[in-house]
Amino acid sequence: VTKVAVVVAAVAIVRVVAGMVVFVFVVAIVAIAVVVGVVAAAVVVVAVVVVSTIIIIVVVAAVVAVVAVLHVVFVIVVVVAFVDAVVVVAAAAIVVSPLLLLLSS
């Protein structure tokens, strides 16, 4: 009877130890999966932040470039209008001055 009891107790102990080992492996695998998932999520978040920052920088650079081009166009238009006004005033003076001379004499 004692030999049977020892064998039964030994089998029970082996089963408990085996179950604990399996449980530890499962917990370790789940922990590794959680860590990998957290790292992957962090990588995705960093990638999204980097990409969105790059997009914002590109958009801001494009807006600055468009504003600079519009500023240059505006300056050119103002200069052309000023030159045009000077030419018109000079032409009017050239036309009007002989008439004034004729009228004054």
Protein backbone atom coordinates (compact mmCIF):
# COMPACT_ATOMS: atom_id res chain seq x y z
CA VAL A 1 0.00 0.00 0.00
CA THR A 2 2.77 2.42 0.81
CA LYS A 3 4.44 1.83 -2.54
CA VAL A 4 1.18 2.66 -4.34
CA ALA A 5 0.74 5.75 -2.19
CA VAL A 6 4.29 6.88 -2.97
CA VAL A 7 3.73 6.34 -6.70
CA VAL A 8 0.41 8.20 -6.61
CA ALA A 9 1.99 11.05 -4.64
CA ALA A 10 4.95 11.14 -7.04
CA VAL A 11 2.62 11.26 -10.06
CA ALA A 12 0.59 14.03 -8.43
CA ILE A 13 3.74 16.04 -7.69
CA VAL A 14 4.99 15.54 -11.25
CA ARG A 15 1.63 16.67 -12.62
CA VAL A 16 1.62 19.78 -10.40
CA VAL A 17 5.21 20.66 -11.34
CA ALA A 18 4.47 20.07 -15.03
CA GLY A 19 1.38 22.25 -14.77
CA MET A 20 3.40 25.00 -13.09
CA VAL A 21 6.08 24.79 -15.78
CA VAL A 22 3.44 25.03 -18.53
CA PHE A 23 1.80 27.94 -16.70
CA VAL A 24 5.15 29.76 -16.44
CA PHE A 25 5.78 29.21 -20.16
CA VAL A 26 2.31 30.50 -21.06
CA VAL A 27 2.77 33.56 -18.84
CA ALA A 28 6.20 34.18 -20.37
CA ILE A 29 4.80 33.89 -23.91
CA VAL A 30 1.92 36.25 -23.07
CA ALA A 31 4.32 38.73 -21.47
CA ILE A 32 6.59 38.63 -24.50
CA ALA A 33 3.57 39.14 -26.78
CA VAL A 34 2.43 42.11 -24.67
CA VAL A 35 5.91 43.67 -24.75
CA VAL A 36 6.16 43.14 -28.51
CA GLY A 37 2.70 44.66 -28.95
CA VAL A 38 3.57 47.70 -26.83
CA VAL A 39 6.85 48.20 -28.70
CA ALA A 40 5.06 47.86 -32.04
CA ALA A 41 2.41 50.37 -30.94
CA ALA A 42 5.12 52.78 -29.81
CA VAL A 43 6.90 52.40 -33.15
CA VAL A 44 3.64 53.09 -34.99
CA VAL A 45 2.96 56.18 -32.85
CA VAL A 46 6.47 57.50 -33.45
CA ALA A 47 6.14 56.83 -37.17
CA VAL A 48 2.78 58.65 -37.30
CA VAL A 49 4.23 61.62 -35.40
CA VAL A 50 7.29 61.76 -37.67
CA VAL A 51 5.23 61.47 -40.86
CA SER A 52 2.70 64.07 -39.71
CA THR A 53 5.54 66.41 -38.72
CA ILE A 54 7.13 65.97 -42.14
CA ILE A 55 3.76 66.64 -43.81
CA ILE A 56 3.29 69.79 -41.71
CA ILE A 57 6.81 70.99 -42.59
CA VAL A 58 6.17 70.35 -46.30
CA VAL A 59 2.82 72.17 -46.19
CA VAL A 60 4.33 75.14 -44.33
CA ALA A 61 7.23 75.27 -46.79
CA ALA A 62 4.79 75.19 -49.71
CA VAL A 63 2.71 78.00 -48.20
CA VAL A 64 5.84 80.07 -47.57
CA ALA A 65 6.98 79.48 -51.16
CA VAL A 66 3.57 80.48 -52.55
CA VAL A 67 3.51 83.62 -50.39
CA ALA A 68 7.04 84.50 -51.50
CA VAL A 69 6.09 84.07 -55.17
CA LEU A 70 2.94 86.14 -54.68
CA HIS A 71 5.01 88.81 -52.93
CA VAL A 72 7.43 88.94 -55.86
CA VAL A 73 4.51 89.13 -58.30
CA PHE A 74 2.95 91.91 -56.24
CA VAL A 75 6.22 93.86 -56.19
CA ILE A 76 6.58 93.41 -59.96
CA VAL A 77 3.00 94.61 -60.51
CA VAL A 78 3.59 97.67 -58.31
CA VAL A 79 6.86 98.50 -60.07
CA VAL A 80 5.26 98.07 -63.50
CA ALA A 81 2.34 100.26 -62.47
CA PHE A 82 4.73 102.93 -61.16
CA VAL A 83 6.81 102.86 -64.36
CA ASP A 84 3.61 102.99 -66.40
CA ALA A 85 2.43 106.02 -64.41
CA VAL A 86 5.80 107.76 -64.93
CA VAL A 87 5.62 107.07 -68.66
CA VAL A 88 2.05 108.40 -68.85
CA VAL A 89 2.99 111.56 -66.92
CA ALA A 90 6.08 112.09 -69.12
CA ALA A 91 4.04 111.58 -72.31
CA ALA A 92 1.41 114.00 -71.06
CA ALA A 93 4.10 116.55 -70.26
CA ILE A 94 5.62 116.14 -73.71
CA VAL A 95 2.22 116.63 -75.34
CA VAL A 96 0.97 119.40 -73.05
CA SER A 97 4.11 121.56 -72.84
CA PRO A 98 4.09 122.70 -76.51
CA LEU A 99 0.38 123.47 -76.21
CA LEU A 100 1.06 125.58 -73.13
CA LEU A 101 3.83 127.39 -74.97
CA LEU A 102 1.46 128.06 -77.89
CA LEU A 103 -1.31 129.25 -75.61
CA SER A 104 0.98 131.49 -73.56
CA SER A 105 2.38 133.27 -76.59
